Amino acid sequence: FTISRSNAKNTVYLQMNSLKPEDTAVYYCNAQPYGYDYWGQGTQV
């Protein structure tokens, strides 16, 4: 897996290669700036 970002698009990515059955999960994006804790709604893989 590789995490990357685009500041211009305000987007963070997760490239997932060589996926395994044990990678099956709901994947959530999270940000924790200075005491805050934000979560996305999740996406199923």
All heavy atoms as atom14 arrays in JSON, in Angstrom:
{
  "sequence": "FTISRSNAKNTVYLQMNSLKPEDTAVYYCNAQPYGYDYWGQGTQV",
  "atom14_mask": [
    [1, 1, 1, 1, 1, 1, 1, 1, 1, 1, 1, 0, 0, 0],
    [1, 1, 1, 1, 1, 1, 1, 0, 0, 0, 0, 0, 0, 0],
    [1, 1, 1, 1, 1, 1, 1, 1, 0, 0, 0, 0, 0, 0],
    [1, 1, 1, 1, 1, 1, 0, 0, 0, 0, 0, 0, 0, 0],
    [1, 1, 1, 1, 1, 1, 1, 1, 1, 1, 1, 0, 0, 0],
    [1, 1, 1, 1, 1, 1, 0, 0, 0, 0, 0, 0, 0, 0],
    [1, 1, 1, 1, 1, 1, 1, 1, 0, 0, 0, 0, 0, 0],
    [1, 1, 1, 1, 1, 0, 0, 0, 0, 0, 0, 0, 0, 0],
    [1, 1, 1, 1, 1, 1, 1, 1, 1, 0, 0, 0, 0, 0],
    [1, 1, 1, 1, 1, 1, 1, 1, 0, 0, 0, 0, 0, 0],
    [1, 1, 1, 1, 1, 1, 1, 0, 0, 0, 0, 0, 0, 0],
    [1, 1, 1, 1, 1, 1, 1, 0, 0, 0, 0, 0, 0, 0],
    [1, 1, 1, 1, 1, 1, 1, 1, 1, 1, 1, 1, 0, 0],
    [1, 1, 1, 1, 1, 1, 1, 1, 0, 0, 0, 0, 0, 0],
    [1, 1, 1, 1, 1, 1, 1, 1, 1, 0, 0, 0, 0, 0],
    [1, 1, 1, 1, 1, 1, 1, 1, 0, 0, 0, 0, 0, 0],
    [1, 1, 1, 1, 1, 1, 1, 1, 0, 0, 0, 0, 0, 0],
    [1, 1, 1, 1, 1, 1, 0, 0, 0, 0, 0, 0, 0, 0],
    [1, 1, 1, 1, 1, 1, 1, 1, 0, 0, 0, 0, 0, 0],
    [1, 1, 1, 1, 1, 1, 1, 1, 1, 0, 0, 0, 0, 0],
    [1, 1, 1, 1, 1, 1, 1, 0, 0, 0, 0, 0, 0, 0],
    [1, 1, 1, 1, 1, 1, 1, 1, 1, 0, 0, 0, 0, 0],
    [1, 1, 1, 1, 1, 1, 1, 1, 0, 0, 0, 0, 0, 0],
    [1, 1, 1, 1, 1, 1, 1, 0, 0, 0, 0, 0, 0, 0],
    [1, 1, 1, 1, 1, 0, 0, 0, 0, 0, 0, 0, 0, 0],
    [1, 1, 1, 1, 1, 1, 1, 0, 0, 0, 0, 0, 0, 0],
    [1, 1, 1, 1, 1, 1, 1, 1, 1, 1, 1, 1, 0, 0],
    [1, 1, 1, 1, 1, 1, 1, 1, 1, 1, 1, 1, 0, 0],
    [1, 1, 1, 1, 1, 1, 0, 0, 0, 0, 0, 0, 0, 0],
    [1, 1, 1, 1, 1, 1, 1, 1, 0, 0, 0, 0, 0, 0],
    [1, 1, 1, 1, 1, 0, 0, 0, 0, 0, 0, 0, 0, 0],
    [1, 1, 1, 1, 1, 1, 1, 1, 1, 0, 0, 0, 0, 0],
    [1, 1, 1, 1, 1, 1, 1, 0, 0, 0, 0, 0, 0, 0],
    [1, 1, 1, 1, 1, 1, 1, 1, 1, 1, 1, 1, 0, 0],
    [1, 1, 1, 1, 0, 0, 0, 0, 0, 0, 0, 0, 0, 0],
    [1, 1, 1, 1, 1, 1, 1, 1, 1, 1, 1, 1, 0, 0],
    [1, 1, 1, 1, 1, 1, 1, 1, 0, 0, 0, 0, 0, 0],
    [1, 1, 1, 1, 1, 1, 1, 1, 1, 1, 1, 1, 0, 0],
    [1, 1, 1, 1, 1, 1, 1, 1, 1, 1, 1, 1, 1, 1],
    [1, 1, 1, 1, 0, 0, 0, 0, 0, 0, 0, 0, 0, 0],
    [1, 1, 1, 1, 1, 1, 1, 1, 1, 0, 0, 0, 0, 0],
    [1, 1, 1, 1, 0, 0, 0, 0, 0, 0, 0, 0, 0, 0],
    [1, 1, 1, 1, 1, 1, 1, 0, 0, 0, 0, 0, 0, 0],
    [1, 1, 1, 1, 1, 1, 1, 1, 1, 0, 0, 0, 0, 0],
    [1, 1, 1, 1, 1, 1, 1, 0, 0, 0, 0, 0, 0, 0]
  ],
  "atom14_positions": [
    [[0.85, -1.2, 0.0], [0.0, 0.0, 0.0], [0.88, 1.24, 0.0], [1.95, 1.26, 0.61], [-0.88, 0.04, 1.24], [-1.98, -1.0, 1.3], [-2.03, -2.07, 0.42], [-2.98, -0.9, 2.27], [-3.03, -3.01, 0.48], [-3.99, -1.83, 2.34], [-4.02, -2.9, 1.46], [0.0, 0.0, 0.0], [0.0, 0.0, 0.0], [0.0, 0.0, 0.0]],
    [[0.38, 2.29, -0.66], [1.09, 3.57, -0.68], [0.11, 4.7, -0.45], [-0.9, 4.81, -1.16], [1.79, 3.78, -2.03], [2.7, 2.7, -2.28], [2.59, 5.09, -2.0], [0.0, 0.0, 0.0], [0.0, 0.0, 0.0], [0.0, 0.0, 0.0], [0.0, 0.0, 0.0], [0.0, 0.0, 0.0], [0.0, 0.0, 0.0], [0.0, 0.0, 0.0]],
    [[0.41, 5.53, 0.54], [-0.4, 6.72, 0.79], [0.23, 7.89, 0.05], [1.47, 8.02, 0.0], [-0.53, 7.01, 2.3], [-1.55, 8.11, 2.56], [0.82, 7.32, 2.94], [-1.9, 8.28, 4.04], [0.0, 0.0, 0.0], [0.0, 0.0, 0.0], [0.0, 0.0, 0.0], [0.0, 0.0, 0.0], [0.0, 0.0, 0.0], [0.0, 0.0, 0.0]],
    [[-0.62, 8.73, -0.54], [-0.12, 9.9, -1.25], [-1.15, 11.01, -1.12], [-2.22, 10.81, -0.51], [0.14, 9.57, -2.73], [-1.05, 9.19, -3.38], [0.0, 0.0, 0.0], [0.0, 0.0, 0.0], [0.0, 0.0, 0.0], [0.0, 0.0, 0.0], [0.0, 0.0, 0.0], [0.0, 0.0, 0.0], [0.0, 0.0, 0.0], [0.0, 0.0, 0.0]],
    [[-0.86, 12.16, -1.68], [-1.78, 13.29, -1.5], [-1.66, 14.27, -2.67], [-0.64, 14.29, -3.37], [-1.45, 14.03, -0.21], [-0.02, 14.57, -0.2], [0.41, 14.95, 1.19], [1.86, 15.2, 1.23], [2.53, 15.43, 2.34], [1.91, 15.46, 3.5], [3.84, 15.63, 2.3], [0.0, 0.0, 0.0], [0.0, 0.0, 0.0], [0.0, 0.0, 0.0]],
    [[-2.7, 15.06, -2.83], [-2.7, 16.18, -3.76], [-3.17, 17.4, -2.99], [-4.35, 17.5, -2.64], [-3.62, 15.92, -4.94], [-3.82, 17.11, -5.68], [0.0, 0.0, 0.0], [0.0, 0.0, 0.0], [0.0, 0.0, 0.0], [0.0, 0.0, 0.0], [0.0, 0.0, 0.0], [0.0, 0.0, 0.0], [0.0, 0.0, 0.0], [0.0, 0.0, 0.0]],
    [[-2.26, 18.32, -2.71], [-2.65, 19.54, -2.0], [-3.62, 20.37, -2.85], [-4.55, 20.99, -2.32], [-1.41, 20.36, -1.65], [-0.57, 19.69, -0.57], [-1.08, 19.04, 0.32], [0.74, 19.86, -0.69], [0.0, 0.0, 0.0], [0.0, 0.0, 0.0], [0.0, 0.0, 0.0], [0.0, 0.0, 0.0], [0.0, 0.0, 0.0], [0.0, 0.0, 0.0]],
    [[-3.42, 20.34, -4.15], [-4.28, 21.13, -5.03], [-5.73, 20.63, -5.0], [-6.67, 21.42, -5.14], [-3.74, 21.09, -6.45], [0.0, 0.0, 0.0], [0.0, 0.0, 0.0], [0.0, 0.0, 0.0], [0.0, 0.0, 0.0], [0.0, 0.0, 0.0], [0.0, 0.0, 0.0], [0.0, 0.0, 0.0], [0.0, 0.0, 0.0], [0.0, 0.0, 0.0]],
    [[-5.9, 19.34, -4.81], [-7.24, 18.75, -4.79], [-7.74, 18.49, -3.38], [-8.83, 17.94, -3.21], [-7.24, 17.45, -5.59], [-6.96, 17.64, -7.08], [-7.02, 16.32, -7.82], [-6.77, 16.53, -9.32], [-6.83, 15.24, -10.07], [0.0, 0.0, 0.0], [0.0, 0.0, 0.0], [0.0, 0.0, 0.0], [0.0, 0.0, 0.0], [0.0, 0.0, 0.0]],
    [[-6.96, 18.84, -2.38], [-7.33, 18.56, -0.98], [-7.71, 17.09, -0.8], [-8.72, 16.76, -0.15], [-8.49, 19.46, -0.52], [-8.06, 20.91, -0.43], [-6.89, 21.21, -0.19], [-8.99, 21.82, -0.62], [0.0, 0.0, 0.0], [0.0, 0.0, 0.0], [0.0, 0.0, 0.0], [0.0, 0.0, 0.0], [0.0, 0.0, 0.0], [0.0, 0.0, 0.0]],
    [[-6.92, 16.22, -1.35], [-7.26, 14.79, -1.38], [-6.06, 13.94, -0.96], [-4.93, 14.23, -1.36], [-7.72, 14.39, -2.79], [-8.88, 15.15, -3.15], [-8.08, 12.91, -2.84], [0.0, 0.0, 0.0], [0.0, 0.0, 0.0], [0.0, 0.0, 0.0], [0.0, 0.0, 0.0], [0.0, 0.0, 0.0], [0.0, 0.0, 0.0], [0.0, 0.0, 0.0]],
    [[-6.36, 12.93, -0.17], [-5.38, 11.92, 0.21], [-5.8, 10.6, -0.43], [-7.0, 10.29, -0.49], [-5.29, 11.78, 1.74], [-4.4, 10.61, 2.13], [-4.77, 13.07, 2.36], [0.0, 0.0, 0.0], [0.0, 0.0, 0.0], [0.0, 0.0, 0.0], [0.0, 0.0, 0.0], [0.0, 0.0, 0.0], [0.0, 0.0, 0.0], [0.0, 0.0, 0.0]],
    [[-4.82, 9.87, -0.92], [-5.08, 8.62, -1.63], [-4.47, 7.44, -0.9], [-3.52, 7.59, -0.13], [-4.49, 8.69, -3.04], [-4.97, 9.86, -3.86], [-4.21, 11.02, -3.96], [-6.17, 9.79, -4.55], [-4.65, 12.1, -4.72], [-6.61, 10.87, -5.32], [-5.85, 12.01, -5.39], [-6.28, 13.07, -6.14], [0.0, 0.0, 0.0], [0.0, 0.0, 0.0]],
    [[-5.0, 6.26, -1.21], [-4.39, 5.02, -0.76], [-4.38, 4.05, -1.94], [-5.44, 3.55, -2.33], [-5.15, 4.41, 0.42], [-4.49, 3.16, 1.02], [-3.17, 3.51, 1.68], [-5.44, 2.5, 2.04], [0.0, 0.0, 0.0], [0.0, 0.0, 0.0], [0.0, 0.0, 0.0], [0.0, 0.0, 0.0], [0.0, 0.0, 0.0], [0.0, 0.0, 0.0]],
    [[-3.2, 3.85, -2.49], [-3.04, 2.86, -3.56], [-2.79, 1.51, -2.91], [-1.83, 1.36, -2.14], [-1.87, 3.25, -4.46], [-1.58, 2.24, -5.56], [-2.69, 2.16, -6.59], [-3.15, 3.18, -7.09], [-3.12, 0.94, -6.92], [0.0, 0.0, 0.0], [0.0, 0.0, 0.0], [0.0, 0.0, 0.0], [0.0, 0.0, 0.0], [0.0, 0.0, 0.0]],
    [[-3.64, 0.55, -3.24], [-3.54, -0.78, -2.64], [-3.26, -1.79, -3.74], [-4.09, -1.98, -4.64], [-4.84, -1.12, -1.91], [-5.25, -0.08, -0.87], [-6.7, -0.56, 0.09], [-7.95, -0.53, -1.2], [0.0, 0.0, 0.0], [0.0, 0.0, 0.0], [0.0, 0.0, 0.0], [0.0, 0.0, 0.0], [0.0, 0.0, 0.0], [0.0, 0.0, 0.0]],
    [[-2.1, -2.41, -3.67], [-1.7, -3.43, -4.63], [-1.57, -4.78, -3.95], [-1.48, -4.87, -2.73], [-0.37, -3.05, -5.28], [-0.43, -1.75, -6.04], [-1.46, -1.41, -6.63], [0.67, -1.01, -6.07], [0.0, 0.0, 0.0], [0.0, 0.0, 0.0], [0.0, 0.0, 0.0], [0.0, 0.0, 0.0], [0.0, 0.0, 0.0], [0.0, 0.0, 0.0]],
    [[-1.54, -5.82, -4.76], [-1.38, -7.19, -4.23], [-2.35, -7.46, -3.09], [-1.97, -7.98, -2.04], [0.07, -7.41, -3.76], [0.99, -7.19, -4.81], [0.0, 0.0, 0.0], [0.0, 0.0, 0.0], [0.0, 0.0, 0.0], [0.0, 0.0, 0.0], [0.0, 0.0, 0.0], [0.0, 0.0, 0.0], [0.0, 0.0, 0.0], [0.0, 0.0, 0.0]],
    [[-3.59, -7.12, -3.33], [-4.59, -7.24, -2.27], [-4.82, -8.69, -1.87], [-4.75, -9.61, -2.71], [-5.9, -6.6, -2.71], [-5.91, -5.07, -2.63], [-7.0, -4.48, -3.5], [-6.07, -4.62, -1.18], [0.0, 0.0, 0.0], [0.0, 0.0, 0.0], [0.0, 0.0, 0.0], [0.0, 0.0, 0.0], [0.0, 0.0, 0.0], [0.0, 0.0, 0.0]],
    [[-5.08, -8.87, -0.58], [-5.31, -10.19, -0.01], [-6.71, -10.24, 0.6], [-7.25, -9.2, 0.99], [-4.27, -10.46, 1.08], [-2.82, -10.35, 0.63], [-1.88, -10.53, 1.81], [-0.43, -10.4, 1.39], [0.51, -10.58, 2.54], [0.0, 0.0, 0.0], [0.0, 0.0, 0.0], [0.0, 0.0, 0.0], [0.0, 0.0, 0.0], [0.0, 0.0, 0.0]],
    [[-7.29, -11.42, 0.73], [-8.61, -11.51, 1.38], [-8.62, -10.88, 2.77], [-9.64, -10.3, 3.17], [-8.85, -13.02, 1.44], [-8.12, -13.56, 0.26], [-6.87, -12.72, 0.17], [0.0, 0.0, 0.0], [0.0, 0.0, 0.0], [0.0, 0.0, 0.0], [0.0, 0.0, 0.0], [0.0, 0.0, 0.0], [0.0, 0.0, 0.0], [0.0, 0.0, 0.0]],
    [[-7.52, -10.93, 3.47], [-7.48, -10.34, 4.82], [-7.45, -8.82, 4.8], [-7.52, -8.19, 5.86], [-6.28, -10.88, 5.62], [-4.95, -10.79, 4.91], [-4.57, -12.1, 4.22], [-5.45, -12.73, 3.58], [-3.39, -12.47, 4.31], [0.0, 0.0, 0.0], [0.0, 0.0, 0.0], [0.0, 0.0, 0.0], [0.0, 0.0, 0.0], [0.0, 0.0, 0.0]],
    [[-7.36, -8.22, 3.63], [-7.49, -6.77, 3.52], [-8.96, -6.33, 3.46], [-9.25, -5.13, 3.47], [-6.77, -6.27, 2.26], [-5.27, -6.46, 2.31], [-4.68, -6.22, 3.37], [-4.71, -6.87, 1.27], [0.0, 0.0, 0.0], [0.0, 0.0, 0.0], [0.0, 0.0, 0.0], [0.0, 0.0, 0.0], [0.0, 0.0, 0.0], [0.0, 0.0, 0.0]],
    [[-9.86, -7.3, 3.39], [-11.29, -6.98, 3.36], [-11.7, -6.23, 4.62], [-11.45, -6.69, 5.74], [-12.12, -8.26, 3.21], [-11.84, -8.85, 1.94], [-13.61, -7.96, 3.32], [0.0, 0.0, 0.0], [0.0, 0.0, 0.0], [0.0, 0.0, 0.0], [0.0, 0.0, 0.0], [0.0, 0.0, 0.0], [0.0, 0.0, 0.0], [0.0, 0.0, 0.0]],
    [[-12.29, -5.06, 4.45], [-12.67, -4.2, 5.58], [-13.38, -2.96, 5.05], [-13.39, -2.7, 3.84], [-11.44, -3.78, 6.37], [0.0, 0.0, 0.0], [0.0, 0.0, 0.0], [0.0, 0.0, 0.0], [0.0, 0.0, 0.0], [0.0, 0.0, 0.0], [0.0, 0.0, 0.0], [0.0, 0.0, 0.0], [0.0, 0.0, 0.0], [0.0, 0.0, 0.0]],
    [[-13.94, -2.21, 5.98], [-14.37, -0.86, 5.67], [-13.18, 0.06, 5.93], [-12.59, 0.01, 7.01], [-15.58, -0.43, 6.51], [-15.97, 1.01, 6.18], [-16.77, -1.36, 6.28], [0.0, 0.0, 0.0], [0.0, 0.0, 0.0], [0.0, 0.0, 0.0], [0.0, 0.0, 0.0], [0.0, 0.0, 0.0], [0.0, 0.0, 0.0], [0.0, 0.0, 0.0]],
    [[-12.84, 0.85, 4.94], [-11.69, 1.75, 5.05], [-12.2, 3.16, 5.32], [-13.09, 3.67, 4.62], [-10.87, 1.71, 3.76], [-10.02, 0.46, 3.67], [-10.61, -0.78, 3.46], [-8.64, 0.5, 3.82], [-9.85, -1.94, 3.4], [-7.87, -0.64, 3.76], [-8.48, -1.86, 3.55], [-7.72, -3.01, 3.5], [0.0, 0.0, 0.0], [0.0, 0.0, 0.0]],
    [[-11.61, 3.79, 6.33], [-12.01, 5.11, 6.76], [-10.87, 6.1, 6.61], [-9.71, 5.78, 6.92], [-12.43, 5.1, 8.23], [-13.62, 4.26, 8.55], [-13.48, 2.93, 8.91], [-14.91, 4.79, 8.5], [-14.58, 2.14, 9.22], [-16.01, 4.01, 8.8], [-15.84, 2.69, 9.17], [-16.93, 1.92, 9.47], [0.0, 0.0, 0.0], [0.0, 0.0, 0.0]],
    [[-11.21, 7.29, 6.2], [-10.27, 8.4, 6.21], [-10.4, 9.12, 7.55], [-11.51, 9.26, 8.08], [-10.6, 9.35, 5.06], [-9.47, 10.73, 4.87], [0.0, 0.0, 0.0], [0.0, 0.0, 0.0], [0.0, 0.0, 0.0], [0.0, 0.0, 0.0], [0.0, 0.0, 0.0], [0.0, 0.0, 0.0], [0.0, 0.0, 0.0], [0.0, 0.0, 0.0]],
    [[-9.28, 9.57, 8.08], [-9.26, 10.22, 9.39], [-8.29, 11.39, 9.39], [-7.25, 11.35, 8.74], [-8.84, 9.23, 10.46], [-8.62, 9.88, 11.82], [-7.5, 10.19, 12.21], [-9.71, 10.1, 12.53], [0.0, 0.0, 0.0], [0.0, 0.0, 0.0], [0.0, 0.0, 0.0], [0.0, 0.0, 0.0], [0.0, 0.0, 0.0], [0.0, 0.0, 0.0]],
    [[-8.69, 12.44, 10.11], [-7.8, 13.58, 10.32], [-7.9, 14.01, 11.78], [-9.01, 14.07, 12.32], [-8.16, 14.73, 9.4], [0.0, 0.0, 0.0], [0.0, 0.0, 0.0], [0.0, 0.0, 0.0], [0.0, 0.0, 0.0], [0.0, 0.0, 0.0], [0.0, 0.0, 0.0], [0.0, 0.0, 0.0], [0.0, 0.0, 0.0], [0.0, 0.0, 0.0]],
    [[-6.75, 14.31, 12.4], [-6.73, 14.65, 13.83], [-5.91, 15.91, 14.06], [-4.89, 15.87, 14.76], [-6.15, 13.48, 14.63], [-6.97, 12.22, 14.54], [-6.37, 11.07, 15.35], [-5.47, 11.26, 16.14], [-6.88, 9.88, 15.12], [0.0, 0.0, 0.0], [0.0, 0.0, 0.0], [0.0, 0.0, 0.0], [0.0, 0.0, 0.0], [0.0, 0.0, 0.0]],
    [[-6.37, 17.03, 13.51], [-5.6, 18.27, 13.71], [-5.86, 18.88, 15.08], [-6.99, 19.21, 15.41], [-6.14, 19.17, 12.59], [-7.56, 18.7, 12.4], [-7.55, 17.23, 12.68], [0.0, 0.0, 0.0], [0.0, 0.0, 0.0], [0.0, 0.0, 0.0], [0.0, 0.0, 0.0], [0.0, 0.0, 0.0], [0.0, 0.0, 0.0], [0.0, 0.0, 0.0]],
    [[-4.81, 18.96, 15.9], [-4.82, 19.72, 17.15], [-6.05, 19.45, 18.02], [-6.83, 20.36, 18.31], [-4.69, 21.2, 16.83], [-3.43, 21.48, 16.06], [-3.47, 21.75, 14.69], [-2.18, 21.42, 16.68], [-2.31, 21.96, 13.98], [-1.01, 21.63, 15.97], [-1.09, 21.91, 14.62], [0.06, 22.12, 13.92], [0.0, 0.0, 0.0], [0.0, 0.0, 0.0]],
    [[-6.22, 18.2, 18.43], [-7.27, 17.84, 19.37], [-8.6, 17.5, 18.74], [-9.5, 17.03, 19.44], [0.0, 0.0, 0.0], [0.0, 0.0, 0.0], [0.0, 0.0, 0.0], [0.0, 0.0, 0.0], [0.0, 0.0, 0.0], [0.0, 0.0, 0.0], [0.0, 0.0, 0.0], [0.0, 0.0, 0.0], [0.0, 0.0, 0.0], [0.0, 0.0, 0.0]],
    [[-8.74, 17.72, 17.46], [-9.97, 17.32, 16.78], [-9.8, 15.93, 16.18], [-8.69, 15.44, 16.0], [-10.31, 18.33, 15.68], [-10.71, 19.68, 16.22], [-9.74, 20.66, 16.45], [-12.03, 19.97, 16.51], [-10.08, 21.9, 16.95], [-12.39, 21.21, 17.01], [-11.41, 22.17, 17.24], [-11.76, 23.39, 17.75], [0.0, 0.0, 0.0], [0.0, 0.0, 0.0]],
    [[-10.93, 15.3, 15.87], [-10.92, 13.93, 15.35], [-12.05, 13.81, 14.34], [-13.22, 13.75, 14.72], [-11.11, 12.93, 16.49], [-10.8, 11.51, 16.08], [-10.26, 11.31, 14.97], [-11.12, 10.58, 16.86], [0.0, 0.0, 0.0], [0.0, 0.0, 0.0], [0.0, 0.0, 0.0], [0.0, 0.0, 0.0], [0.0, 0.0, 0.0], [0.0, 0.0, 0.0]],
    [[-11.69, 13.81, 13.07], [-12.68, 13.75, 12.0], [-12.59, 12.42, 11.27], [-11.49, 11.94, 10.98], [-12.43, 14.88, 11.0], [-12.5, 16.27, 11.59], [-11.35, 17.05, 11.72], [-13.7, 16.81, 12.01], [-11.39, 18.33, 12.24], [-13.77, 18.1, 12.54], [-12.61, 18.84, 12.66], [-12.67, 20.11, 13.19], [0.0, 0.0, 0.0], [0.0, 0.0, 0.0]],
    [[-13.77, 11.87, 10.92], [-13.83, 10.59, 10.2], [-14.74, 10.73, 8.99], [-15.75, 11.44, 9.03], [-14.39, 9.49, 11.11], [-13.5, 9.12, 12.23], [-13.49, 9.64, 13.49], [-12.45, 8.13, 12.21], [-12.51, 9.03, 14.25], [-11.87, 8.1, 13.49], [-11.98, 7.25, 11.22], [-10.81, 7.25, 13.81], [-10.94, 6.39, 11.55], [-10.36, 6.4, 12.83]],
    [[-14.39, 10.02, 7.95], [-15.28, 9.89, 6.82], [-16.3, 8.8, 7.09], [-16.29, 8.15, 8.14], [0.0, 0.0, 0.0], [0.0, 0.0, 0.0], [0.0, 0.0, 0.0], [0.0, 0.0, 0.0], [0.0, 0.0, 0.0], [0.0, 0.0, 0.0], [0.0, 0.0, 0.0], [0.0, 0.0, 0.0], [0.0, 0.0, 0.0], [0.0, 0.0, 0.0]],
    [[-17.17, 8.57, 6.11], [-18.25, 7.6, 6.29], [-17.78, 6.17, 6.01], [-18.48, 5.22, 6.36], [-19.43, 7.95, 5.36], [-19.29, 7.48, 3.92], [-18.3, 8.31, 3.1], [-17.76, 9.32, 3.56], [-18.06, 7.87, 1.87], [0.0, 0.0, 0.0], [0.0, 0.0, 0.0], [0.0, 0.0, 0.0], [0.0, 0.0, 0.0], [0.0, 0.0, 0.0]],
    [[-16.64, 6.03, 5.42], [-16.09, 4.71, 5.12], [-16.43, 4.22, 3.73], [-17.47, 4.58, 3.16], [0.0, 0.0, 0.0], [0.0, 0.0, 0.0], [0.0, 0.0, 0.0], [0.0, 0.0, 0.0], [0.0, 0.0, 0.0], [0.0, 0.0, 0.0], [0.0, 0.0, 0.0], [0.0, 0.0, 0.0], [0.0, 0.0, 0.0], [0.0, 0.0, 0.0]],
    [[-15.56, 3.38, 3.2], [-15.8, 2.74, 1.91], [-15.41, 1.28, 2.02], [-14.36, 0.94, 2.58], [-15.03, 3.46, 0.78], [-15.38, 2.89, -0.49], [-13.52, 3.37, 0.96], [0.0, 0.0, 0.0], [0.0, 0.0, 0.0], [0.0, 0.0, 0.0], [0.0, 0.0, 0.0], [0.0, 0.0, 0.0], [0.0, 0.0, 0.0], [0.0, 0.0, 0.0]],
    [[-16.27, 0.41, 1.5], [-16.07, -1.03, 1.65], [-15.07, -1.54, 0.61], [-15.21, -1.24, -0.58], [-17.39, -1.78, 1.49], [-17.28, -3.29, 1.53], [-16.95, -3.83, 2.92], [-17.54, -3.4, 3.91], [-16.0, -4.76, 3.0], [0.0, 0.0, 0.0], [0.0, 0.0, 0.0], [0.0, 0.0, 0.0], [0.0, 0.0, 0.0], [0.0, 0.0, 0.0]],
    [[-14.11, -2.3, 1.08], [-13.18, -3.02, 0.2], [-13.35, -4.51, 0.48], [-13.22, -4.95, 1.62], [-11.73, -2.59, 0.44], [-10.76, -3.49, -0.33], [-11.53, -1.13, 0.05], [0.0, 0.0, 0.0], [0.0, 0.0, 0.0], [0.0, 0.0, 0.0], [0.0, 0.0, 0.0], [0.0, 0.0, 0.0], [0.0, 0.0, 0.0], [0.0, 0.0, 0.0]]
  ]
}
